[in-house]
């Protein structure tokens, strides 16, 4: 998990995955550090393995175009070059993902 994000942080809204298609995301990546981007890719692949092998859920923290950080508790089915596929076929841009919280 990204250290600056705490699961109990009241400023982070938890949403249902079905709301993701209604949200807007910035064109630029929320992460600027190349090492953090590499870590996010590794964690995304790990989350896909967790989802496919064990049907495990995790928290995904992401930012919308207005800069608000949100959380969704879901299963990740696939990691693609530019987005994640969540349960029910919902796509989340990888560039919007701040981090993951594995349990």
PDB file of N, CA and C in Angstrom:
ATOM      1  N   UNK A   1       0.839  -1.183   0.000  1.00  0.00           N
ATOM      2  CA  UNK A   1       0.000   0.000   0.000  1.00  0.00           C
ATOM      3  C   UNK A   1       0.880   1.241   0.000  1.00  0.00           C
ATOM      4  N   UNK A   2       0.371   2.297  -0.575  1.00  0.00           N
ATOM      5  CA  UNK A   2       1.074   3.570  -0.576  1.00  0.00           C
ATOM      6  C   UNK A   2       1.053   4.112   0.854  1.00  0.00           C
ATOM      7  N   UNK A   3       2.210   4.402   1.465  1.00  0.00           N
ATOM      8  CA  UNK A   3       2.277   4.770   2.875  1.00  0.00           C
ATOM      9  C   UNK A   3       1.459   5.997   3.255  1.00  0.00           C
ATOM     10  N   UNK A   4       1.326   6.973   2.340  1.00  0.00           N
ATOM     11  CA  UNK A   4       0.609   8.181   2.724  1.00  0.00           C
ATOM     12  C   UNK A   4      -0.908   8.002   2.750  1.00  0.00           C
ATOM     13  N   UNK A   5      -1.395   6.867   2.269  1.00  0.00           N
ATOM     14  CA  UNK A   5      -2.824   6.587   2.299  1.00  0.00           C
ATOM     15  C   UNK A   5      -3.123   5.625   3.435  1.00  0.00           C
ATOM     16  N   UNK A   6      -4.066   5.994   4.247  1.00  0.00           N
ATOM     17  CA  UNK A   6      -4.472   5.152   5.365  1.00  0.00           C
ATOM     18  C   UNK A   6      -5.915   4.694   5.142  1.00  0.00           C
ATOM     19  N   UNK A   7      -6.203   3.408   5.319  1.00  0.00           N
ATOM     20  CA  UNK A   7      -7.558   2.913   5.095  1.00  0.00           C
ATOM     21  C   UNK A   7      -8.615   3.627   5.919  1.00  0.00           C
ATOM     22  N   UNK A   8      -8.237   4.213   7.037  1.00  0.00           N
ATOM     23  CA  UNK A   8      -9.206   4.893   7.888  1.00  0.00           C
ATOM     24  C   UNK A   8      -9.315   6.384   7.569  1.00  0.00           C
ATOM     25  N   UNK A   9      -8.594   6.870   6.577  1.00  0.00           N
ATOM     26  CA  UNK A   9      -8.616   8.279   6.208  1.00  0.00           C
ATOM     27  C   UNK A   9     -10.014   8.654   5.718  1.00  0.00           C
ATOM     28  N   UNK A  10     -10.700   9.496   6.456  1.00  0.00           N
ATOM     29  CA  UNK A  10     -12.074   9.880   6.137  1.00  0.00           C
ATOM     30  C   UNK A  10     -12.176  10.660   4.833  1.00  0.00           C
ATOM     31  N   UNK A  11     -11.080  11.230   4.355  1.00  0.00           N
ATOM     32  CA  UNK A  11     -11.134  12.003   3.117  1.00  0.00           C
ATOM     33  C   UNK A  11     -11.169  11.117   1.875  1.00  0.00           C
ATOM     34  N   UNK A  12     -10.940   9.823   2.043  1.00  0.00           N
ATOM     35  CA  UNK A  12     -10.966   8.899   0.910  1.00  0.00           C
ATOM     36  C   UNK A  12     -12.341   8.237   0.851  1.00  0.00           C
ATOM     37  N   UNK A  13     -13.073   8.579  -0.183  1.00  0.00           N
ATOM     38  CA  UNK A  13     -14.416   8.042  -0.372  1.00  0.00           C
ATOM     39  C   UNK A  13     -14.341   6.629  -0.938  1.00  0.00           C
ATOM     40  N   UNK A  14     -15.102   5.715  -0.348  1.00  0.00           N
ATOM     41  CA  UNK A  14     -15.217   4.368  -0.875  1.00  0.00           C
ATOM     42  C   UNK A  14     -16.431   4.328  -1.787  1.00  0.00           C
ATOM     43  N   UNK A  15     -16.219   3.835  -3.014  1.00  0.00           N
ATOM     44  CA  UNK A  15     -17.327   3.776  -3.967  1.00  0.00           C
ATOM     45  C   UNK A  15     -17.527   2.340  -4.447  1.00  0.00           C
ATOM     46  N   UNK A  16     -18.665   2.091  -5.055  1.00  0.00           N
ATOM     47  CA  UNK A  16     -18.942   0.797  -5.676  1.00  0.00           C
ATOM     48  C   UNK A  16     -18.317   0.789  -7.063  1.00  0.00           C
ATOM     49  N   UNK A  17     -17.834  -0.361  -7.484  1.00  0.00           N
ATOM     50  CA  UNK A  17     -17.157  -0.448  -8.784  1.00  0.00           C
ATOM     51  C   UNK A  17     -18.065  -0.038  -9.938  1.00  0.00           C
ATOM     52  N   UNK A  18     -19.366  -0.206  -9.783  1.00  0.00           N
ATOM     53  CA  UNK A  18     -20.305   0.136 -10.849  1.00  0.00           C
ATOM     54  C   UNK A  18     -20.340   1.631 -11.157  1.00  0.00           C
ATOM     55  N   UNK A  19     -19.830   2.469 -10.239  1.00  0.00           N
ATOM     56  CA  UNK A  19     -19.783   3.916 -10.464  1.00  0.00           C
ATOM     57  C   UNK A  19     -18.579   4.349 -11.289  1.00  0.00           C
ATOM     58  N   UNK A  20     -17.568   3.501 -11.413  1.00  0.00           N
ATOM     59  CA  UNK A  20     -16.330   3.879 -12.109  1.00  0.00           C
ATOM     60  C   UNK A  20     -16.572   4.369 -13.539  1.00  0.00           C
ATOM     61  N   UNK A  21     -17.439   3.708 -14.332  1.00  0.00           N
ATOM     62  CA  UNK A  21     -17.643   4.202 -15.701  1.00  0.00           C
ATOM     63  C   UNK A  21     -18.223   5.619 -15.778  1.00  0.00           C
ATOM     64  N   UNK A  22     -18.792   6.114 -14.697  1.00  0.00           N
ATOM     65  CA  UNK A  22     -19.367   7.468 -14.699  1.00  0.00           C
ATOM     66  C   UNK A  22     -18.348   8.535 -14.312  1.00  0.00           C
ATOM     67  N   UNK A  23     -17.157   8.124 -13.891  1.00  0.00           N
ATOM     68  CA  UNK A  23     -16.137   9.063 -13.427  1.00  0.00           C
ATOM     69  C   UNK A  23     -15.254   9.538 -14.573  1.00  0.00           C
ATOM     70  N   UNK A  24     -14.599  10.671 -14.362  1.00  0.00           N
ATOM     71  CA  UNK A  24     -13.662  11.221 -15.335  1.00  0.00           C
ATOM     72  C   UNK A  24     -12.256  11.143 -14.759  1.00  0.00           C
ATOM     73  N   UNK A  25     -11.287  10.836 -15.627  1.00  0.00           N
ATOM     74  CA  UNK A  25      -9.904  10.684 -15.205  1.00  0.00           C
ATOM     75  C   UNK A  25      -9.005  11.601 -16.014  1.00  0.00           C
ATOM     76  N   UNK A  26      -7.956  12.097 -15.374  1.00  0.00           N
ATOM     77  CA  UNK A  26      -6.998  12.983 -16.043  1.00  0.00           C
ATOM     78  C   UNK A  26      -6.249  12.213 -17.125  1.00  0.00           C
ATOM     79  N   UNK A  27      -5.789  12.941 -18.120  1.00  0.00           N
ATOM     80  CA  UNK A  27      -5.030  12.329 -19.213  1.00  0.00           C
ATOM     81  C   UNK A  27      -3.611  11.972 -18.775  1.00  0.00           C
ATOM     82  N   UNK A  28      -3.078  12.692 -17.782  1.00  0.00           N
ATOM     83  CA  UNK A  28      -1.729  12.422 -17.305  1.00  0.00           C
ATOM     84  C   UNK A  28      -1.743  11.438 -16.133  1.00  0.00           C
ATOM     85  N   UNK A  29      -0.618  10.800 -15.921  1.00  0.00           N
ATOM     86  CA  UNK A  29      -0.471   9.817 -14.851  1.00  0.00           C
ATOM     87  C   UNK A  29      -0.461  10.518 -13.493  1.00  0.00           C
ATOM     88  N   UNK A  30      -1.124   9.904 -12.509  1.00  0.00           N
ATOM     89  CA  UNK A  30      -1.137  10.475 -11.158  1.00  0.00           C
ATOM     90  C   UNK A  30       0.212  10.283 -10.460  1.00  0.00           C
ATOM     91  N   UNK A  31       1.006   9.337 -10.945  1.00  0.00           N
ATOM     92  CA  UNK A  31       2.331   9.100 -10.388  1.00  0.00           C
ATOM     93  C   UNK A  31       3.379   9.728 -11.311  1.00  0.00           C
ATOM     94  N   UNK A  32       4.396  10.322 -10.714  1.00  0.00           N
ATOM     95  CA  UNK A  32       5.454  10.932 -11.518  1.00  0.00           C
ATOM     96  C   UNK A  32       6.799  10.226 -11.349  1.00  0.00           C
ATOM     97  N   UNK A  33       6.969   9.510 -10.254  1.00  0.00           N
ATOM     98  CA  UNK A  33       8.222   8.811  -9.982  1.00  0.00           C
ATOM     99  C   UNK A  33       8.281   7.501 -10.778  1.00  0.00           C
ATOM    100  N   UNK A  34       9.306   7.321 -11.624  1.00  0.00           N
ATOM    101  CA  UNK A  34       9.412   6.091 -12.420  1.00  0.00           C
ATOM    102  C   UNK A  34       9.417   4.816 -11.575  1.00  0.00           C
ATOM    103  N   UNK A  35      10.025   4.873 -10.394  1.00  0.00           N
ATOM    104  CA  UNK A  35      10.045   3.705  -9.519  1.00  0.00           C
ATOM    105  C   UNK A  35       8.640   3.388  -8.998  1.00  0.00           C
ATOM    106  N   UNK A  36       7.874   4.414  -8.665  1.00  0.00           N
ATOM    107  CA  UNK A  36       6.498   4.218  -8.193  1.00  0.00           C
ATOM    108  C   UNK A  36       5.623   3.649  -9.305  1.00  0.00           C
ATOM    109  N   UNK A  37       5.852   4.090 -10.537  1.00  0.00           N
ATOM    110  CA  UNK A  37       5.096   3.574 -11.679  1.00  0.00           C
ATOM    111  C   UNK A  37       5.422   2.099 -11.906  1.00  0.00           C
ATOM    112  N   UNK A  38       6.689   1.759 -11.779  1.00  0.00           N
ATOM    113  CA  UNK A  38       7.107   0.362 -11.912  1.00  0.00           C
ATOM    114  C   UNK A  38       6.486  -0.490 -10.805  1.00  0.00           C
ATOM    115  N   UNK A  39       6.464   0.023  -9.588  1.00  0.00           N
ATOM    116  CA  UNK A  39       5.877  -0.701  -8.448  1.00  0.00           C
ATOM    117  C   UNK A  39       4.371  -0.899  -8.658  1.00  0.00           C
ATOM    118  N   UNK A  40       3.709   0.135  -9.196  1.00  0.00           N
ATOM    119  CA  UNK A  40       2.267   0.026  -9.453  1.00  0.00           C
ATOM    120  C   UNK A  40       2.001  -1.095 -10.459  1.00  0.00           C
ATOM    121  N   UNK A  41       2.828  -1.185 -11.497  1.00  0.00           N
ATOM    122  CA  UNK A  41       2.661  -2.240 -12.508  1.00  0.00           C
ATOM    123  C   UNK A  41       2.835  -3.618 -11.860  1.00  0.00           C
ATOM    124  N   UNK A  42       3.864  -3.765 -11.027  1.00  0.00           N
ATOM    125  CA  UNK A  42       4.095  -5.028 -10.316  1.00  0.00           C
ATOM    126  C   UNK A  42       2.895  -5.372  -9.434  1.00  0.00           C
ATOM    127  N   UNK A  43       2.406  -4.392  -8.674  1.00  0.00           N
ATOM    128  CA  UNK A  43       1.262  -4.624  -7.792  1.00  0.00           C
ATOM    129  C   UNK A  43      -0.007  -4.949  -8.586  1.00  0.00           C
ATOM    130  N   UNK A  44      -0.176  -4.314  -9.734  1.00  0.00           N
ATOM    131  CA  UNK A  44      -1.341  -4.588 -10.579  1.00  0.00           C
ATOM    132  C   UNK A  44      -1.309  -6.034 -11.077  1.00  0.00           C
ATOM    133  N   UNK A  45      -0.139  -6.491 -11.487  1.00  0.00           N
ATOM    134  CA  UNK A  45      -0.002  -7.879 -11.938  1.00  0.00           C
ATOM    135  C   UNK A  45      -0.266  -8.847 -10.780  1.00  0.00           C
ATOM    136  N   UNK A  46       0.226  -8.499  -9.620  1.00  0.00           N
ATOM    137  CA  UNK A  46      -0.007  -9.320  -8.424  1.00  0.00           C
ATOM    138  C   UNK A  46      -1.498  -9.377  -8.091  1.00  0.00           C
ATOM    139  N   UNK A  47      -2.183  -8.226  -8.218  1.00  0.00           N
ATOM    140  CA  UNK A  47      -3.616  -8.162  -7.951  1.00  0.00           C
ATOM    141  C   UNK A  47      -4.399  -9.023  -8.939  1.00  0.00           C
ATOM    142  N   UNK A  48      -3.958  -9.057 -10.202  1.00  0.00           N
ATOM    143  CA  UNK A  48      -4.614  -9.907 -11.204  1.00  0.00           C
ATOM    144  C   UNK A  48      -4.465 -11.378 -10.851  1.00  0.00           C
ATOM    145  N   UNK A  49      -3.290 -11.750 -10.400  1.00  0.00           N
ATOM    146  CA  UNK A  49      -3.055 -13.139  -9.986  1.00  0.00           C
ATOM    147  C   UNK A  49      -3.946 -13.484  -8.802  1.00  0.00           C
ATOM    148  N   UNK A  50      -4.031 -12.587  -7.841  1.00  0.00           N
ATOM    149  CA  UNK A  50      -4.891 -12.798  -6.677  1.00  0.00           C
ATOM    150  C   UNK A  50      -6.344 -12.971  -7.110  1.00  0.00           C
ATOM    151  N   UNK A  51      -6.784 -12.140  -8.042  1.00  0.00           N
ATOM    152  CA  UNK A  51      -8.163 -12.201  -8.510  1.00  0.00           C
ATOM    153  C   UNK A  51      -8.482 -13.467  -9.278  1.00  0.00           C
ATOM    154  N   UNK A  52      -7.570 -13.885 -10.147  1.00  0.00           N
ATOM    155  CA  UNK A  52      -7.819 -15.059 -10.982  1.00  0.00           C
ATOM    156  C   UNK A  52      -7.615 -16.375 -10.247  1.00  0.00           C
ATOM    157  N   UNK A  53      -6.576 -16.459  -9.463  1.00  0.00           N
ATOM    158  CA  UNK A  53      -6.266 -17.716  -8.783  1.00  0.00           C
ATOM    159  C   UNK A  53      -7.127 -17.953  -7.544  1.00  0.00           C
ATOM    160  N   UNK A  54      -7.418 -16.870  -6.820  1.00  0.00           N
ATOM    161  CA  UNK A  54      -8.104 -17.033  -5.535  1.00  0.00           C
ATOM    162  C   UNK A  54      -9.415 -16.262  -5.424  1.00  0.00           C
ATOM    163  N   UNK A  55      -9.785 -15.523  -6.476  1.00  0.00           N
ATOM    164  CA  UNK A  55     -10.976 -14.676  -6.457  1.00  0.00           C
ATOM    165  C   UNK A  55     -10.916 -13.695  -5.288  1.00  0.00           C
ATOM    166  N   UNK A  56      -9.682 -13.301  -4.948  1.00  0.00           N
ATOM    167  CA  UNK A  56      -9.456 -12.403  -3.822  1.00  0.00           C
ATOM    168  C   UNK A  56      -9.745 -10.949  -4.171  1.00  0.00           C
ATOM    169  N   UNK A  57     -10.247 -10.227  -3.195  1.00  0.00           N
ATOM    170  CA  UNK A  57     -10.528  -8.804  -3.353  1.00  0.00           C
ATOM    171  C   UNK A  57      -9.457  -7.981  -2.652  1.00  0.00           C
ATOM    172  N   UNK A  58      -9.344  -6.732  -3.065  1.00  0.00           N
ATOM    173  CA  UNK A  58      -8.415  -5.801  -2.449  1.00  0.00           C
ATOM    174  C   UNK A  58      -8.933  -4.383  -2.666  1.00  0.00           C
ATOM    175  N   UNK A  59      -8.332  -3.435  -1.958  1.00  0.00           N
ATOM    176  CA  UNK A  59      -8.665  -2.027  -2.157  1.00  0.00           C
ATOM    177  C   UNK A  59      -7.765  -1.466  -3.244  1.00  0.00           C
ATOM    178  N   UNK A  60      -8.376  -0.735  -4.167  1.00  0.00           N
ATOM    179  CA  UNK A  60      -7.634  -0.015  -5.191  1.00  0.00           C
ATOM    180  C   UNK A  60      -7.889   1.464  -4.931  1.00  0.00           C
ATOM    181  N   UNK A  61      -6.809   2.224  -4.761  1.00  0.00           N
ATOM    182  CA  UNK A  61      -6.904   3.662  -4.539  1.00  0.00           C
ATOM    183  C   UNK A  61      -6.606   4.354  -5.864  1.00  0.00           C
ATOM    184  N   UNK A  62      -7.460   5.299  -6.247  1.00  0.00           N
ATOM    185  CA  UNK A  62      -7.270   5.986  -7.519  1.00  0.00           C
ATOM    186  C   UNK A  62      -7.734   7.432  -7.412  1.00  0.00           C
ATOM    187  N   UNK A  63      -7.290   8.245  -8.368  1.00  0.00           N
ATOM    188  CA  UNK A  63      -7.667   9.663  -8.386  1.00  0.00           C
ATOM    189  C   UNK A  63      -8.509   9.958  -9.608  1.00  0.00           C
ATOM    190  N   UNK A  64      -9.516  10.794  -9.398  1.00  0.00           N
ATOM    191  CA  UNK A  64     -10.344  11.260 -10.499  1.00  0.00           C
ATOM    192  C   UNK A  64      -9.735  12.543 -11.060  1.00  0.00           C
ATOM    193  N   UNK A  65     -10.284  13.026 -12.164  1.00  0.00           N
ATOM    194  CA  UNK A  65      -9.744  14.212 -12.840  1.00  0.00           C
ATOM    195  C   UNK A  65      -9.767  15.440 -11.939  1.00  0.00           C
ATOM    196  N   UNK A  66     -10.701  15.484 -10.986  1.00  0.00           N
ATOM    197  CA  UNK A  66     -10.777  16.632 -10.079  1.00  0.00           C
ATOM    198  C   UNK A  66      -9.796  16.533  -8.909  1.00  0.00           C
ATOM    199  N   UNK A  67      -8.958  15.476  -8.905  1.00  0.00           N
ATOM    200  CA  UNK A  67      -7.931  15.328  -7.882  1.00  0.00           C
ATOM    201  C   UNK A  67      -8.371  14.615  -6.619  1.00  0.00           C
ATOM    202  N   UNK A  68      -9.610  14.158  -6.559  1.00  0.00           N
ATOM    203  CA  UNK A  68     -10.085  13.436  -5.381  1.00  0.00           C
ATOM    204  C   UNK A  68      -9.623  11.989  -5.425  1.00  0.00           C
ATOM    205  N   UNK A  69      -9.165  11.494  -4.277  1.00  0.00           N
ATOM    206  CA  UNK A  69      -8.765  10.096  -4.167  1.00  0.00           C
ATOM    207  C   UNK A  69      -9.963   9.289  -3.712  1.00  0.00           C
ATOM    208  N   UNK A  70     -10.169   8.161  -4.383  1.00  0.00           N
ATOM    209  CA  UNK A  70     -11.278   7.272  -4.048  1.00  0.00           C
ATOM    210  C   UNK A  70     -10.736   5.862  -3.867  1.00  0.00           C
ATOM    211  N   UNK A  71     -11.556   5.030  -3.265  1.00  0.00           N
ATOM    212  CA  UNK A  71     -11.187   3.639  -2.992  1.00  0.00           C
ATOM    213  C   UNK A  71     -12.313   2.746  -3.502  1.00  0.00           C
ATOM    214  N   UNK A  72     -11.938   1.619  -4.097  1.00  0.00           N
ATOM    215  CA  UNK A  72     -12.920   0.614  -4.479  1.00  0.00           C
ATOM    216  C   UNK A  72     -12.403  -0.738  -3.999  1.00  0.00           C
ATOM    217  N   UNK A  73     -13.282  -1.504  -3.390  1.00  0.00           N
ATOM    218  CA  UNK A  73     -12.958  -2.842  -2.914  1.00  0.00           C
ATOM    219  C   UNK A  73     -13.479  -3.817  -3.953  1.00  0.00           C
ATOM    220  N   UNK A  74     -12.581  -4.492  -4.660  1.00  0.00           N
ATOM    221  CA  UNK A  74     -13.008  -5.288  -5.800  1.00  0.00           C
ATOM    222  C   UNK A  74     -12.016  -6.396  -6.134  1.00  0.00           C
ATOM    223  N   UNK A  75     -12.378  -7.192  -7.120  1.00  0.00           N
ATOM    224  CA  UNK A  75     -11.511  -8.212  -7.682  1.00  0.00           C
ATOM    225  C   UNK A  75     -10.975  -7.688  -9.007  1.00  0.00           C
ATOM    226  N   UNK A  76      -9.680  -7.843  -9.240  1.00  0.00           N
ATOM    227  CA  UNK A  76      -9.079  -7.439 -10.509  1.00  0.00           C
ATOM    228  C   UNK A  76      -8.886  -8.699 -11.349  1.00  0.00           C
ATOM    229  N   UNK A  77      -9.495  -8.699 -12.533  1.00  0.00           N
ATOM    230  CA  UNK A  77      -9.418  -9.870 -13.401  1.00  0.00           C
ATOM    231  C   UNK A  77      -8.242  -9.808 -14.355  1.00  0.00           C
ATOM    232  N   UNK A  78      -7.847  -8.586 -14.783  1.00  0.00           N
ATOM    233  CA  UNK A  78      -6.756  -8.498 -15.761  1.00  0.00           C
ATOM    234  C   UNK A  78      -6.053  -7.150 -15.651  1.00  0.00           C
ATOM    235  N   UNK A  79      -4.753  -7.170 -15.963  1.00  0.00           N
ATOM    236  CA  UNK A  79      -3.962  -5.954 -16.048  1.00  0.00           C
ATOM    237  C   UNK A  79      -3.516  -5.815 -17.492  1.00  0.00           C
ATOM    238  N   UNK A  80      -3.885  -4.710 -18.100  1.00  0.00           N
ATOM    239  CA  UNK A  80      -3.523  -4.440 -19.483  1.00  0.00           C
ATOM    240  C   UNK A  80      -2.483  -3.328 -19.502  1.00  0.00           C
ATOM    241  N   UNK A  81      -2.029  -2.972 -20.662  1.00  0.00           N
ATOM    242  CA  UNK A  81      -1.015  -1.922 -20.788  1.00  0.00           C
ATOM    243  C   UNK A  81      -1.480  -0.602 -20.163  1.00  0.00           C
ATOM    244  N   UNK A  82      -2.736  -0.225 -20.392  1.00  0.00           N
ATOM    245  CA  UNK A  82      -3.206   1.086 -19.949  1.00  0.00           C
ATOM    246  C   UNK A  82      -4.359   1.057 -18.954  1.00  0.00           C
ATOM    247  N   UNK A  83      -4.907  -0.108 -18.646  1.00  0.00           N
ATOM    248  CA  UNK A  83      -6.028  -0.144 -17.719  1.00  0.00           C
ATOM    249  C   UNK A  83      -6.122  -1.484 -17.005  1.00  0.00           C
ATOM    250  N   UNK A  84      -6.947  -1.495 -15.954  1.00  0.00           N
ATOM    251  CA  UNK A  84      -7.258  -2.710 -15.205  1.00  0.00           C
ATOM    252  C   UNK A  84      -8.675  -3.129 -15.567  1.00  0.00           C
ATOM    253  N   UNK A  85      -8.914  -4.436 -15.664  1.00  0.00           N
ATOM    254  CA  UNK A  85     -10.276  -4.928 -15.817  1.00  0.00           C
ATOM    255  C   UNK A  85     -10.703  -5.484 -14.470  1.00  0.00           C
ATOM    256  N   UNK A  86     -11.777  -4.902 -13.936  1.00  0.00           N
ATOM    257  CA  UNK A  86     -12.311  -5.323 -12.651  1.00  0.00           C
ATOM    258  C   UNK A  86     -13.429  -6.333 -12.883  1.00  0.00           C
ATOM    259  N   UNK A  87     -13.898  -6.909 -11.803  1.00  0.00           N
ATOM    260  CA  UNK A  87     -15.029  -7.817 -11.885  1.00  0.00           C
ATOM    261  C   UNK A  87     -16.174  -7.100 -12.597  1.00  0.00           C
ATOM    262  N   UNK A  88     -16.963  -7.823 -13.359  1.00  0.00           N
ATOM    263  CA  UNK A  88     -18.080  -7.292 -14.161  1.00  0.00           C
ATOM    264  C   UNK A  88     -17.603  -6.553 -15.400  1.00  0.00           C
ATOM    265  N   UNK A  89     -16.311  -6.684 -15.763  1.00  0.00           N
ATOM    266  CA  UNK A  89     -15.807  -6.083 -16.990  1.00  0.00           C
ATOM    267  C   UNK A  89     -15.592  -4.584 -16.944  1.00  0.00           C
ATOM    268  N   UNK A  90     -15.555  -4.014 -15.777  1.00  0.00           N
ATOM    269  CA  UNK A  90     -15.370  -2.568 -15.624  1.00  0.00           C
ATOM    270  C   UNK A  90     -13.888  -2.232 -15.774  1.00  0.00           C
ATOM    271  N   UNK A  91     -13.599  -1.191 -16.554  1.00  0.00           N
ATOM    272  CA  UNK A  91     -12.213  -0.774 -16.806  1.00  0.00           C
ATOM    273  C   UNK A  91     -11.858   0.443 -15.955  1.00  0.00           C
ATOM    274  N   UNK A  92     -10.657   0.421 -15.391  1.00  0.00           N
ATOM    275  CA  UNK A  92     -10.116   1.534 -14.617  1.00  0.00           C
ATOM    276  C   UNK A  92      -8.756   1.881 -15.202  1.00  0.00           C
ATOM    277  N   UNK A  93      -8.563   3.135 -15.639  1.00  0.00           N
ATOM    278  CA  UNK A  93      -7.260   3.499 -16.219  1.00  0.00           C
ATOM    279  C   UNK A  93      -6.130   3.302 -15.208  1.00  0.00           C
ATOM    280  N   UNK A  94      -5.082   2.623 -15.619  1.00  0.00           N
ATOM    281  CA  UNK A  94      -3.945   2.378 -14.739  1.00  0.00           C
ATOM    282  C   UNK A  94      -3.273   3.691 -14.343  1.00  0.00           C
ATOM    283  N   UNK A  95      -3.291   4.683 -15.231  1.00  0.00           N
ATOM    284  CA  UNK A  95      -2.675   5.985 -14.942  1.00  0.00           C
ATOM    285  C   UNK A  95      -3.358   6.702 -13.778  1.00  0.00           C
ATOM    286  N   UNK A  96      -4.588   6.293 -13.430  1.00  0.00           N
ATOM    287  CA  UNK A  96      -5.331   6.915 -12.335  1.00  0.00           C
ATOM    288  C   UNK A  96      -5.075   6.227 -10.991  1.00  0.00           C
ATOM    289  N   UNK A  97      -4.467   5.044 -11.023  1.00  0.00           N
ATOM    290  CA  UNK A  97      -4.276   4.250  -9.807  1.00  0.00           C
ATOM    291  C   UNK A  97      -3.101   4.787  -8.994  1.00  0.00           C
ATOM    292  N   UNK A  98      -3.388   5.068  -7.728  1.00  0.00           N
ATOM    293  CA  UNK A  98      -2.366   5.549  -6.798  1.00  0.00           C
ATOM    294  C   UNK A  98      -1.684   4.369  -6.102  1.00  0.00           C
ATOM    295  N   UNK A  99      -2.461   3.343  -5.777  1.00  0.00           N
ATOM    296  CA  UNK A  99      -1.895   2.187  -5.100  1.00  0.00           C
ATOM    297  C   UNK A  99      -2.938   1.145  -4.762  1.00  0.00           C
ATOM    298  N   UNK A 100      -2.464   0.060  -4.158  1.00  0.00           N
ATOM    299  CA  UNK A 100      -3.302  -1.082  -3.798  1.00  0.00           C
ATOM    300  C   UNK A 100      -3.093  -1.397  -2.326  1.00  0.00           C
ATOM    301  N   UNK A 101      -4.114  -1.963  -1.722  1.00  0.00           N
ATOM    302  CA  UNK A 101      -4.004  -2.420  -0.344  1.00  0.00           C
ATOM    303  C   UNK A 101      -4.375  -3.901  -0.331  1.00  0.00           C
ATOM    304  N   UNK A 102      -3.351  -4.745  -0.212  1.00  0.00           N
ATOM    305  CA  UNK A 102      -3.559  -6.195  -0.171  1.00  0.00           C
ATOM    306  C   UNK A 102      -3.805  -6.603   1.273  1.00  0.00           C
ATOM    307  N   UNK A 103      -4.729  -7.518   1.468  1.00  0.00           N
ATOM    308  CA  UNK A 103      -5.033  -7.989   2.810  1.00  0.00           C
ATOM    309  C   UNK A 103      -4.397  -9.327   3.071  1.00  0.00           C
TER     310      UNK A 103
END
